[in-house]
Structure formats: C-alpha cells, structure tokens
Amino acid sequence: MIGLGIYMVTIVAASLMSQAWHFYALAFIIGISKGGVQALSRSLFSHLIPPEKSGEYFGFFNMLGKFASVLGPFLVAVFAHITSDSRQTILSLLILIGAGAFFLSKVKVKIYNYDKR
C-alpha cells in the first residue's frame, strides 16, 4: 500500500512538473519503488493461490498485466481528448492505482510463521 501511495503522489507531482530536474526526481522515486511493488505483488499473489495451480493463476496474472498496458494508454488518450491538457492527462492513472489500492485493501492475508516446527 505504501508503494501504491508513492505512485499516487508521484502521479500528482508529475502533473505539476515545470522543470527538467522535476523529471529526474520523479524518475528516481519511481525507480526505487517500482521493483518493490512488483516483487511484493508477485510474492503476495503466490501466497494467495493454490500451489498446485500456480501456472494457471500466474498466467491469469500476466494476462491482467497485458490488459493494464492497453487500458492505461487508452485512459490517458480519453482524458487527453476531454481535457486537451497533456499535463492533466496523467492524473487519469490515479483511477487505476486507486482501484488497485481499493481491491488490495479488501484482501485478507493470513501470515504464516514458517519458523515454528
């Protein structure tokens, strides 16, 4: 959730960029948080699925990633058409990140202590 929050703040900051160093600062922030978000999402997903069906579930997981790579640019294009302001179009990505955070907040995760034998 912290990583998604970082993404949301970065998206808002990106809509306010006015100098070149802003771009580099935002690129740094995304760079240090993206790997963690990806690793944690795959790790959490692997704990939620049945081990014997991991191939099937991860195939679905990857398919959703492909869908998001189409939906994101489509959302940006729609907002660009509506607002005619390229700086504000990036705010449309808050819809996707917000939806992801909402659904993630509904996930109940049981933490296992693997050290106990």
C-alpha atoms as a PDB file:
ATOM      1  CA  MET A   1       0.000   0.000   0.000  1.00  0.00           C
ATOM      2  CA  ILE A   2       2.924   2.315   0.690  1.00  0.00           C
ATOM      3  CA  GLY A   3       4.269   1.680  -2.805  1.00  0.00           C
ATOM      4  CA  LEU A   4       0.883   2.481  -4.340  1.00  0.00           C
ATOM      5  CA  GLY A   5       0.765   5.641  -2.243  1.00  0.00           C
ATOM      6  CA  ILE A   6       4.187   6.613  -3.594  1.00  0.00           C
ATOM      7  CA  TYR A   7       2.880   6.058  -7.122  1.00  0.00           C
ATOM      8  CA  MET A   8      -0.167   8.243  -6.432  1.00  0.00           C
ATOM      9  CA  VAL A   9       1.931  11.096  -5.036  1.00  0.00           C
ATOM     10  CA  THR A  10       4.323  10.782  -7.978  1.00  0.00           C
ATOM     11  CA  ILE A  11       1.462  10.970 -10.481  1.00  0.00           C
ATOM     12  CA  VAL A  12       0.169  14.160  -8.893  1.00  0.00           C
ATOM     13  CA  ALA A  13       3.702  15.594  -8.832  1.00  0.00           C
ATOM     14  CA  ALA A  14       4.161  14.659 -12.493  1.00  0.00           C
ATOM     15  CA  SER A  15       1.090  16.692 -13.406  1.00  0.00           C
ATOM     16  CA  LEU A  16       2.774  19.715 -11.805  1.00  0.00           C
ATOM     17  CA  MET A  17       6.230  19.340 -13.406  1.00  0.00           C
ATOM     18  CA  SER A  18       7.706  22.519 -14.825  1.00  0.00           C
ATOM     19  CA  GLN A  19      11.474  21.987 -14.831  1.00  0.00           C
ATOM     20  CA  ALA A  20      13.827  19.285 -16.082  1.00  0.00           C
ATOM     21  CA  TRP A  21      15.033  18.345 -12.606  1.00  0.00           C
ATOM     22  CA  HIS A  22      11.443  17.500 -11.642  1.00  0.00           C
ATOM     23  CA  PHE A  23      11.502  14.755 -14.263  1.00  0.00           C
ATOM     24  CA  TYR A  24      14.733  13.299 -12.892  1.00  0.00           C
ATOM     25  CA  ALA A  25      13.477  13.455  -9.301  1.00  0.00           C
ATOM     26  CA  LEU A  26      10.262  11.651 -10.245  1.00  0.00           C
ATOM     27  CA  ALA A  27      12.188   9.087 -12.294  1.00  0.00           C
ATOM     28  CA  PHE A  28      14.361   8.388  -9.235  1.00  0.00           C
ATOM     29  CA  ILE A  29      11.326   7.965  -6.975  1.00  0.00           C
ATOM     30  CA  ILE A  30       9.621   5.592  -9.406  1.00  0.00           C
ATOM     31  CA  GLY A  31      12.895   3.758  -9.928  1.00  0.00           C
ATOM     32  CA  ILE A  32      13.350   2.996  -6.244  1.00  0.00           C
ATOM     33  CA  SER A  33       9.728   1.969  -5.672  1.00  0.00           C
ATOM     34  CA  LYS A  34       8.776   0.063  -8.839  1.00  0.00           C
ATOM     35  CA  GLY A  35      10.856  -3.036  -8.144  1.00  0.00           C
ATOM     36  CA  GLY A  36       9.492  -3.347  -4.635  1.00  0.00           C
ATOM     37  CA  VAL A  37       5.900  -3.003  -5.775  1.00  0.00           C
ATOM     38  CA  GLN A  38       6.360  -5.633  -8.487  1.00  0.00           C
ATOM     39  CA  ALA A  39       8.177  -8.069  -6.200  1.00  0.00           C
ATOM     40  CA  LEU A  40       5.660  -7.679  -3.396  1.00  0.00           C
ATOM     41  CA  SER A  41       2.682  -8.084  -5.715  1.00  0.00           C
ATOM     42  CA  ARG A  42       4.022 -11.346  -7.143  1.00  0.00           C
ATOM     43  CA  SER A  43       5.007 -12.599  -3.684  1.00  0.00           C
ATOM     44  CA  LEU A  44       1.604 -11.797  -2.177  1.00  0.00           C
ATOM     45  CA  PHE A  45      -0.140 -13.361  -5.168  1.00  0.00           C
ATOM     46  CA  SER A  46       1.902 -16.556  -4.764  1.00  0.00           C
ATOM     47  CA  HIS A  47       0.757 -16.802  -1.121  1.00  0.00           C
ATOM     48  CA  LEU A  48      -2.902 -16.413  -2.084  1.00  0.00           C
ATOM     49  CA  ILE A  49      -3.101 -19.047  -4.816  1.00  0.00           C
ATOM     50  CA  PRO A  50      -3.150 -22.828  -4.532  1.00  0.00           C
ATOM     51  CA  PRO A  51       0.400 -24.122  -5.173  1.00  0.00           C
ATOM     52  CA  GLU A  52      -0.791 -26.894  -7.488  1.00  0.00           C
ATOM     53  CA  LYS A  53      -2.400 -24.342  -9.822  1.00  0.00           C
ATOM     54  CA  SER A  54       0.346 -21.715  -9.777  1.00  0.00           C
ATOM     55  CA  GLY A  55       0.973 -21.896 -13.536  1.00  0.00           C
ATOM     56  CA  GLU A  56      -2.690 -21.294 -14.305  1.00  0.00           C
ATOM     57  CA  TYR A  57      -3.008 -18.425 -11.827  1.00  0.00           C
ATOM     58  CA  PHE A  58       0.226 -16.708 -12.857  1.00  0.00           C
ATOM     59  CA  GLY A  59      -0.900 -16.957 -16.492  1.00  0.00           C
ATOM     60  CA  PHE A  60      -4.021 -15.051 -15.496  1.00  0.00           C
ATOM     61  CA  PHE A  61      -1.869 -12.587 -13.502  1.00  0.00           C
ATOM     62  CA  ASN A  62       0.270 -11.912 -16.583  1.00  0.00           C
ATOM     63  CA  MET A  63      -2.801 -11.545 -18.799  1.00  0.00           C
ATOM     64  CA  LEU A  64      -4.130  -8.844 -16.470  1.00  0.00           C
ATOM     65  CA  GLY A  65      -0.781  -7.072 -16.785  1.00  0.00           C
ATOM     66  CA  LYS A  66      -1.162  -7.052 -20.565  1.00  0.00           C
ATOM     67  CA  PHE A  67      -4.694  -5.703 -20.191  1.00  0.00           C
ATOM     68  CA  ALA A  68      -3.394  -2.885 -17.985  1.00  0.00           C
ATOM     69  CA  SER A  69      -0.791  -1.981 -20.620  1.00  0.00           C
ATOM     70  CA  VAL A  70      -3.683  -1.343 -23.015  1.00  0.00           C
ATOM     71  CA  LEU A  71      -6.098   0.236 -20.526  1.00  0.00           C
ATOM     72  CA  GLY A  72      -3.573   2.777 -19.170  1.00  0.00           C
ATOM     73  CA  PRO A  73      -2.749   4.406 -22.529  1.00  0.00           C
ATOM     74  CA  PHE A  74      -6.432   4.266 -23.512  1.00  0.00           C
ATOM     75  CA  LEU A  75      -7.378   6.108 -20.324  1.00  0.00           C
ATOM     76  CA  VAL A  76      -4.679   8.717 -20.943  1.00  0.00           C
ATOM     77  CA  ALA A  77      -5.920   9.186 -24.539  1.00  0.00           C
ATOM     78  CA  VAL A  78      -9.526   9.647 -23.399  1.00  0.00           C
ATOM     79  CA  PHE A  79      -8.508  12.211 -20.792  1.00  0.00           C
ATOM     80  CA  ALA A  80      -6.284  13.992 -23.336  1.00  0.00           C
ATOM     81  CA  HIS A  81      -9.269  14.300 -25.630  1.00  0.00           C
ATOM     82  CA  ILE A  82     -11.536  15.525 -22.838  1.00  0.00           C
ATOM     83  CA  THR A  83      -9.155  17.977 -21.150  1.00  0.00           C
ATOM     84  CA  SER A  84      -6.875  18.999 -24.052  1.00  0.00           C
ATOM     85  CA  ASP A  85      -4.155  19.414 -21.425  1.00  0.00           C
ATOM     86  CA  SER A  86      -1.300  16.930 -21.589  1.00  0.00           C
ATOM     87  CA  ARG A  87      -0.188  17.680 -18.028  1.00  0.00           C
ATOM     88  CA  GLN A  88      -3.561  16.767 -16.575  1.00  0.00           C
ATOM     89  CA  THR A  89      -3.962  13.546 -18.565  1.00  0.00           C
ATOM     90  CA  ILE A  90      -1.518  11.689 -16.327  1.00  0.00           C
ATOM     91  CA  LEU A  91      -3.959  12.179 -13.453  1.00  0.00           C
ATOM     92  CA  SER A  92      -6.207   9.623 -15.155  1.00  0.00           C
ATOM     93  CA  LEU A  93      -3.779   6.943 -13.973  1.00  0.00           C
ATOM     94  CA  LEU A  94      -4.917   7.680 -10.424  1.00  0.00           C
ATOM     95  CA  ILE A  95      -8.082   5.796 -11.336  1.00  0.00           C
ATOM     96  CA  LEU A  96      -6.116   2.600 -11.974  1.00  0.00           C
ATOM     97  CA  ILE A  97      -3.826   2.957  -8.967  1.00  0.00           C
ATOM     98  CA  GLY A  98      -6.774   3.892  -6.741  1.00  0.00           C
ATOM     99  CA  ALA A  99      -8.768   0.881  -7.934  1.00  0.00           C
ATOM    100  CA  GLY A 100      -5.782  -1.353  -7.270  1.00  0.00           C
ATOM    101  CA  ALA A 101      -5.374   0.067  -3.767  1.00  0.00           C
ATOM    102  CA  PHE A 102      -9.099  -0.394  -3.102  1.00  0.00           C
ATOM    103  CA  PHE A 103      -9.070  -4.048  -4.149  1.00  0.00           C
ATOM    104  CA  LEU A 104      -5.808  -4.689  -2.292  1.00  0.00           C
ATOM    105  CA  SER A 105      -7.356  -3.284   0.880  1.00  0.00           C
ATOM    106  CA  LYS A 106     -10.071  -5.961   0.624  1.00  0.00           C
ATOM    107  CA  VAL A 107      -7.563  -8.839   0.543  1.00  0.00           C
ATOM    108  CA  LYS A 108      -7.273 -10.731   3.813  1.00  0.00           C
ATOM    109  CA  VAL A 109      -3.809 -12.210   4.154  1.00  0.00           C
ATOM    110  CA  LYS A 110      -3.020 -14.853   6.723  1.00  0.00           C
ATOM    111  CA  ILE A 111       0.595 -14.552   7.808  1.00  0.00           C
ATOM    112  CA  TYR A 112       2.268 -17.881   8.377  1.00  0.00           C
ATOM    113  CA  ASN A 113       5.167 -18.294  10.752  1.00  0.00           C
ATOM    114  CA  TYR A 114       7.421 -20.751   8.939  1.00  0.00           C
ATOM    115  CA  ASP A 115       9.981 -20.770  11.776  1.00  0.00           C
ATOM    116  CA  LYS A 116       7.719 -22.801  14.062  1.00  0.00           C
ATOM    117  CA  ARG A 117       8.118 -26.540  13.575  1.00  0.00           C
END
